[in-house]
Amino acid sequence: MIRLGKLTDYGLVLMTCIARHPGSSLFRARELAQESRLPLPTVSKLLKELLRGGLLVSHRGMKGGYSLARDPRDISVAEIVTAIEGPIALTECSTDVTGLCDLERYCPIKSNQRIISQVIRGALDKVTLSDLIQPLHLITVKDARGNLVPTIGYVSGRMQ
């Protein structure tokens, strides 16, 4: 089973909490913990990772807190996942780091694994933080050949 870690799931929840309040003041860890219903230590850890990943900006001082580094339309789900999990790859040989697998030099499907990882990364790149704060629906459209292709859209009509 391919699945995101719990921290990554919580990171997506946290980022959507911030994105739901465009133009709002800064967010403190305690406020975000209350709104997201996540434990404060988890929120603090995630805020540091998202800050390190360049997705948040930290503002110091008495009225300090965190804000998004960019507009929610400019932050992809892939960036959030990468900030918390590291590079998105199905297998160790799908990353740019070599030598992680003993079979790497002889693997007959290594290049295919990389292509599959690129497709998944590409799909996650197309979904933005602003998409996550709206109800998404899986829809199908026809490609140039008439084949049905699943895609994501949401109620307002914008599609990915």
C-alpha atoms as a PDB file:
ATOM      1  CA  MET A   1       0.000   0.000   0.000  1.00  0.00           C
ATOM      2  CA  ILE A   2       1.232   3.452  -0.869  1.00  0.00           C
ATOM      3  CA  ARG A   3       0.287   5.974   1.766  1.00  0.00           C
ATOM      4  CA  LEU A   4       1.363   9.277   3.192  1.00  0.00           C
ATOM      5  CA  GLY A   5       2.658   9.341   6.729  1.00  0.00           C
ATOM      6  CA  LYS A   6       0.444  10.683   9.479  1.00  0.00           C
ATOM      7  CA  LEU A   7       2.605  13.787   9.866  1.00  0.00           C
ATOM      8  CA  THR A   8       2.204  14.574   6.180  1.00  0.00           C
ATOM      9  CA  ASP A   9      -1.553  14.198   6.462  1.00  0.00           C
ATOM     10  CA  TYR A  10      -1.498  16.539   9.456  1.00  0.00           C
ATOM     11  CA  GLY A  11       0.735  18.954   7.548  1.00  0.00           C
ATOM     12  CA  LEU A  12      -1.847  19.161   4.779  1.00  0.00           C
ATOM     13  CA  VAL A  13      -4.559  19.810   7.375  1.00  0.00           C
ATOM     14  CA  LEU A  14      -2.453  22.529   8.993  1.00  0.00           C
ATOM     15  CA  MET A  15      -1.684  24.247   5.690  1.00  0.00           C
ATOM     16  CA  THR A  16      -5.377  24.263   4.746  1.00  0.00           C
ATOM     17  CA  CYS A  17      -6.230  25.836   8.113  1.00  0.00           C
ATOM     18  CA  ILE A  18      -3.896  28.701   7.290  1.00  0.00           C
ATOM     19  CA  ALA A  19      -5.056  28.958   3.656  1.00  0.00           C
ATOM     20  CA  ARG A  20      -8.721  29.197   4.668  1.00  0.00           C
ATOM     21  CA  HIS A  21      -8.069  32.635   6.134  1.00  0.00           C
ATOM     22  CA  PRO A  22      -6.692  34.731   3.264  1.00  0.00           C
ATOM     23  CA  GLY A  23      -5.285  38.049   4.346  1.00  0.00           C
ATOM     24  CA  SER A  24      -5.670  37.151   8.011  1.00  0.00           C
ATOM     25  CA  SER A  25      -3.192  38.061  10.641  1.00  0.00           C
ATOM     26  CA  LEU A  26      -0.408  35.740  11.625  1.00  0.00           C
ATOM     27  CA  PHE A  27      -1.107  32.323  13.090  1.00  0.00           C
ATOM     28  CA  ARG A  28       0.438  31.036  16.288  1.00  0.00           C
ATOM     29  CA  ALA A  29       1.045  27.358  16.977  1.00  0.00           C
ATOM     30  CA  ARG A  30      -1.491  27.267  19.804  1.00  0.00           C
ATOM     31  CA  GLU A  31      -4.252  28.795  17.640  1.00  0.00           C
ATOM     32  CA  LEU A  32      -3.504  26.383  14.816  1.00  0.00           C
ATOM     33  CA  ALA A  33      -3.554  23.446  17.221  1.00  0.00           C
ATOM     34  CA  GLN A  34      -7.009  24.475  18.434  1.00  0.00           C
ATOM     35  CA  GLU A  35      -8.412  25.032  14.941  1.00  0.00           C
ATOM     36  CA  SER A  36      -6.942  21.862  13.474  1.00  0.00           C
ATOM     37  CA  ARG A  37      -7.554  19.780  16.614  1.00  0.00           C
ATOM     38  CA  LEU A  38      -3.979  18.527  16.432  1.00  0.00           C
ATOM     39  CA  PRO A  39      -1.696  18.240  19.471  1.00  0.00           C
ATOM     40  CA  LEU A  40       0.404  21.365  20.057  1.00  0.00           C
ATOM     41  CA  PRO A  41       3.763  19.494  19.938  1.00  0.00           C
ATOM     42  CA  THR A  42       2.800  18.021  16.557  1.00  0.00           C
ATOM     43  CA  VAL A  43       1.766  21.434  15.229  1.00  0.00           C
ATOM     44  CA  SER A  44       5.033  22.979  16.443  1.00  0.00           C
ATOM     45  CA  LYS A  45       7.062  20.249  14.760  1.00  0.00           C
ATOM     46  CA  LEU A  46       5.154  20.602  11.501  1.00  0.00           C
ATOM     47  CA  LEU A  47       5.445  24.378  11.489  1.00  0.00           C
ATOM     48  CA  LYS A  48       9.242  24.038  11.730  1.00  0.00           C
ATOM     49  CA  GLU A  49       9.340  21.536   8.858  1.00  0.00           C
ATOM     50  CA  LEU A  50       7.061  23.641   6.658  1.00  0.00           C
ATOM     51  CA  LEU A  51       9.131  26.724   7.486  1.00  0.00           C
ATOM     52  CA  ARG A  52      12.330  24.843   6.589  1.00  0.00           C
ATOM     53  CA  GLY A  53      10.638  23.727   3.356  1.00  0.00           C
ATOM     54  CA  GLY A  54      10.023  27.342   2.371  1.00  0.00           C
ATOM     55  CA  LEU A  55       6.232  27.100   2.553  1.00  0.00           C
ATOM     56  CA  LEU A  56       5.767  29.285   5.625  1.00  0.00           C
ATOM     57  CA  VAL A  57       7.282  32.516   6.844  1.00  0.00           C
ATOM     58  CA  SER A  58       7.973  33.078  10.527  1.00  0.00           C
ATOM     59  CA  HIS A  59       7.395  36.506  12.067  1.00  0.00           C
ATOM     60  CA  ARG A  60       9.035  37.086  15.422  1.00  0.00           C
ATOM     61  CA  GLY A  61       7.882  39.280  18.248  1.00  0.00           C
ATOM     62  CA  MET A  62       4.998  39.693  20.604  1.00  0.00           C
ATOM     63  CA  LYS A  63       2.441  39.594  17.793  1.00  0.00           C
ATOM     64  CA  GLY A  64       4.435  37.173  15.690  1.00  0.00           C
ATOM     65  CA  GLY A  65       3.396  33.918  14.148  1.00  0.00           C
ATOM     66  CA  TYR A  66       3.376  32.108  10.834  1.00  0.00           C
ATOM     67  CA  SER A  67       1.975  32.946   7.427  1.00  0.00           C
ATOM     68  CA  LEU A  68       2.075  31.296   4.021  1.00  0.00           C
ATOM     69  CA  ALA A  69       5.208  32.067   2.027  1.00  0.00           C
ATOM     70  CA  ARG A  70       3.162  32.268  -1.192  1.00  0.00           C
ATOM     71  CA  ASP A  71      -0.413  32.446  -2.347  1.00  0.00           C
ATOM     72  CA  PRO A  72      -2.276  29.128  -1.815  1.00  0.00           C
ATOM     73  CA  ARG A  73      -2.672  28.857  -5.621  1.00  0.00           C
ATOM     74  CA  ASP A  74       1.132  28.762  -5.878  1.00  0.00           C
ATOM     75  CA  ILE A  75       1.749  25.988  -3.324  1.00  0.00           C
ATOM     76  CA  SER A  76       1.293  22.443  -4.605  1.00  0.00           C
ATOM     77  CA  VAL A  77       0.434  19.358  -2.607  1.00  0.00           C
ATOM     78  CA  ALA A  78       3.713  17.907  -3.925  1.00  0.00           C
ATOM     79  CA  GLU A  79       5.647  20.723  -2.233  1.00  0.00           C
ATOM     80  CA  ILE A  80       3.909  20.103   1.089  1.00  0.00           C
ATOM     81  CA  VAL A  81       4.510  16.355   0.889  1.00  0.00           C
ATOM     82  CA  THR A  82       8.173  16.906  -0.038  1.00  0.00           C
ATOM     83  CA  ALA A  83       8.692  19.378   2.817  1.00  0.00           C
ATOM     84  CA  ILE A  84       7.565  16.754   5.334  1.00  0.00           C
ATOM     85  CA  GLU A  85       8.349  13.362   3.752  1.00  0.00           C
ATOM     86  CA  GLY A  86      11.273  14.202   1.510  1.00  0.00           C
ATOM     87  CA  PRO A  87      11.406  13.391  -2.207  1.00  0.00           C
ATOM     88  CA  ILE A  88       8.302  11.766  -3.664  1.00  0.00           C
ATOM     89  CA  ALA A  89       9.246   8.352  -5.006  1.00  0.00           C
ATOM     90  CA  LEU A  90       7.660   4.907  -5.042  1.00  0.00           C
ATOM     91  CA  THR A  91      10.947   3.096  -4.579  1.00  0.00           C
ATOM     92  CA  GLU A  92      14.415   4.015  -3.376  1.00  0.00           C
ATOM     93  CA  CYS A  93      15.780   3.792  -6.906  1.00  0.00           C
ATOM     94  CA  SER A  94      13.177   6.325  -8.075  1.00  0.00           C
ATOM     95  CA  THR A  95      15.009   9.158  -6.335  1.00  0.00           C
ATOM     96  CA  ASP A  96      18.093  10.985  -7.575  1.00  0.00           C
ATOM     97  CA  VAL A  97      20.161   9.317  -4.839  1.00  0.00           C
ATOM     98  CA  THR A  98      22.055   6.263  -6.059  1.00  0.00           C
ATOM     99  CA  GLY A  99      23.259   3.255  -4.104  1.00  0.00           C
ATOM    100  CA  LEU A 100      20.223   2.805  -1.867  1.00  0.00           C
ATOM    101  CA  CYS A 101      19.284  -0.566  -3.340  1.00  0.00           C
ATOM    102  CA  ASP A 102      21.515  -3.592  -3.923  1.00  0.00           C
ATOM    103  CA  LEU A 103      19.666  -4.431  -7.150  1.00  0.00           C
ATOM    104  CA  GLU A 104      19.866  -0.930  -8.583  1.00  0.00           C
ATOM    105  CA  ARG A 105      22.580  -1.633 -11.178  1.00  0.00           C
ATOM    106  CA  TYR A 106      20.740  -4.688 -12.549  1.00  0.00           C
ATOM    107  CA  CYS A 107      17.095  -3.827 -11.979  1.00  0.00           C
ATOM    108  CA  PRO A 108      15.037  -4.422 -15.132  1.00  0.00           C
ATOM    109  CA  ILE A 109      12.265  -1.998 -14.079  1.00  0.00           C
ATOM    110  CA  LYS A 110      14.279   0.860 -12.565  1.00  0.00           C
ATOM    111  CA  SER A 111      13.538   3.286 -15.399  1.00  0.00           C
ATOM    112  CA  ASN A 112       9.850   2.351 -15.336  1.00  0.00           C
ATOM    113  CA  GLN A 113       9.739   2.964 -11.574  1.00  0.00           C
ATOM    114  CA  ARG A 114      11.189   6.429 -12.143  1.00  0.00           C
ATOM    115  CA  ILE A 115       8.569   7.193 -14.770  1.00  0.00           C
ATOM    116  CA  ILE A 116       5.753   6.052 -12.463  1.00  0.00           C
ATOM    117  CA  SER A 117       7.161   8.233  -9.667  1.00  0.00           C
ATOM    118  CA  GLN A 118       7.312  11.204 -12.055  1.00  0.00           C
ATOM    119  CA  VAL A 119       3.655  10.700 -12.988  1.00  0.00           C
ATOM    120  CA  ILE A 120       2.606  10.631  -9.335  1.00  0.00           C
ATOM    121  CA  ARG A 121       4.739  13.692  -8.578  1.00  0.00           C
ATOM    122  CA  GLY A 122       3.193  15.443 -11.582  1.00  0.00           C
ATOM    123  CA  ALA A 123      -0.332  14.697 -10.378  1.00  0.00           C
ATOM    124  CA  LEU A 124       0.451  16.038  -6.900  1.00  0.00           C
ATOM    125  CA  ASP A 125       2.038  19.128  -8.487  1.00  0.00           C
ATOM    126  CA  LYS A 126      -1.240  19.913 -10.232  1.00  0.00           C
ATOM    127  CA  VAL A 127      -3.295  20.008  -7.027  1.00  0.00           C
ATOM    128  CA  THR A 128      -2.726  23.211  -5.102  1.00  0.00           C
ATOM    129  CA  LEU A 129      -3.362  24.297  -1.546  1.00  0.00           C
ATOM    130  CA  SER A 130      -6.226  26.483  -2.788  1.00  0.00           C
ATOM    131  CA  ASP A 131      -7.765  23.358  -4.368  1.00  0.00           C
ATOM    132  CA  LEU A 132      -7.643  21.553  -1.009  1.00  0.00           C
ATOM    133  CA  ILE A 133      -9.786  24.140   0.738  1.00  0.00           C
ATOM    134  CA  GLN A 134     -12.689  23.449  -1.629  1.00  0.00           C
ATOM    135  CA  PRO A 135     -14.704  20.262  -2.169  1.00  0.00           C
ATOM    136  CA  LEU A 136     -12.906  18.225  -4.850  1.00  0.00           C
ATOM    137  CA  HIS A 137     -14.598  15.675  -7.070  1.00  0.00           C
ATOM    138  CA  LEU A 138     -13.066  12.984  -9.230  1.00  0.00           C
ATOM    139  CA  ILE A 139     -14.411  13.448 -12.738  1.00  0.00           C
ATOM    140  CA  THR A 140     -13.526  12.022 -16.099  1.00  0.00           C
ATOM    141  CA  VAL A 141     -12.878  13.809 -19.349  1.00  0.00           C
ATOM    142  CA  LYS A 142     -12.071  12.451 -22.782  1.00  0.00           C
ATOM    143  CA  ASP A 143      -8.591  12.876 -24.172  1.00  0.00           C
ATOM    144  CA  ALA A 144      -7.833  13.528 -27.865  1.00  0.00           C
ATOM    145  CA  ARG A 145      -8.293   9.812 -28.623  1.00  0.00           C
ATOM    146  CA  GLY A 146     -11.664   9.622 -26.882  1.00  0.00           C
ATOM    147  CA  ASN A 147     -10.356   7.701 -23.882  1.00  0.00           C
ATOM    148  CA  LEU A 148     -11.764   8.571 -20.466  1.00  0.00           C
ATOM    149  CA  VAL A 149      -9.145  10.162 -18.229  1.00  0.00           C
ATOM    150  CA  PRO A 150      -9.798  10.684 -14.502  1.00  0.00           C
ATOM    151  CA  THR A 151      -9.063  14.197 -13.335  1.00  0.00           C
ATOM    152  CA  ILE A 152      -9.875  16.383 -10.379  1.00  0.00           C
ATOM    153  CA  GLY A 153     -12.316  19.240 -10.385  1.00  0.00           C
ATOM    154  CA  TYR A 154     -14.317  21.085  -7.816  1.00  0.00           C
ATOM    155  CA  VAL A 155     -17.751  22.528  -7.544  1.00  0.00           C
ATOM    156  CA  SER A 156     -16.924  25.975  -8.925  1.00  0.00           C
ATOM    157  CA  GLY A 157     -15.949  24.397 -12.237  1.00  0.00           C
ATOM    158  CA  ARG A 158     -12.164  24.817 -12.217  1.00  0.00           C
ATOM    159  CA  MET A 159     -10.438  21.624 -13.196  1.00  0.00           C
ATOM    160  CA  GLN A 160      -6.928  20.302 -12.821  1.00  0.00           C
END
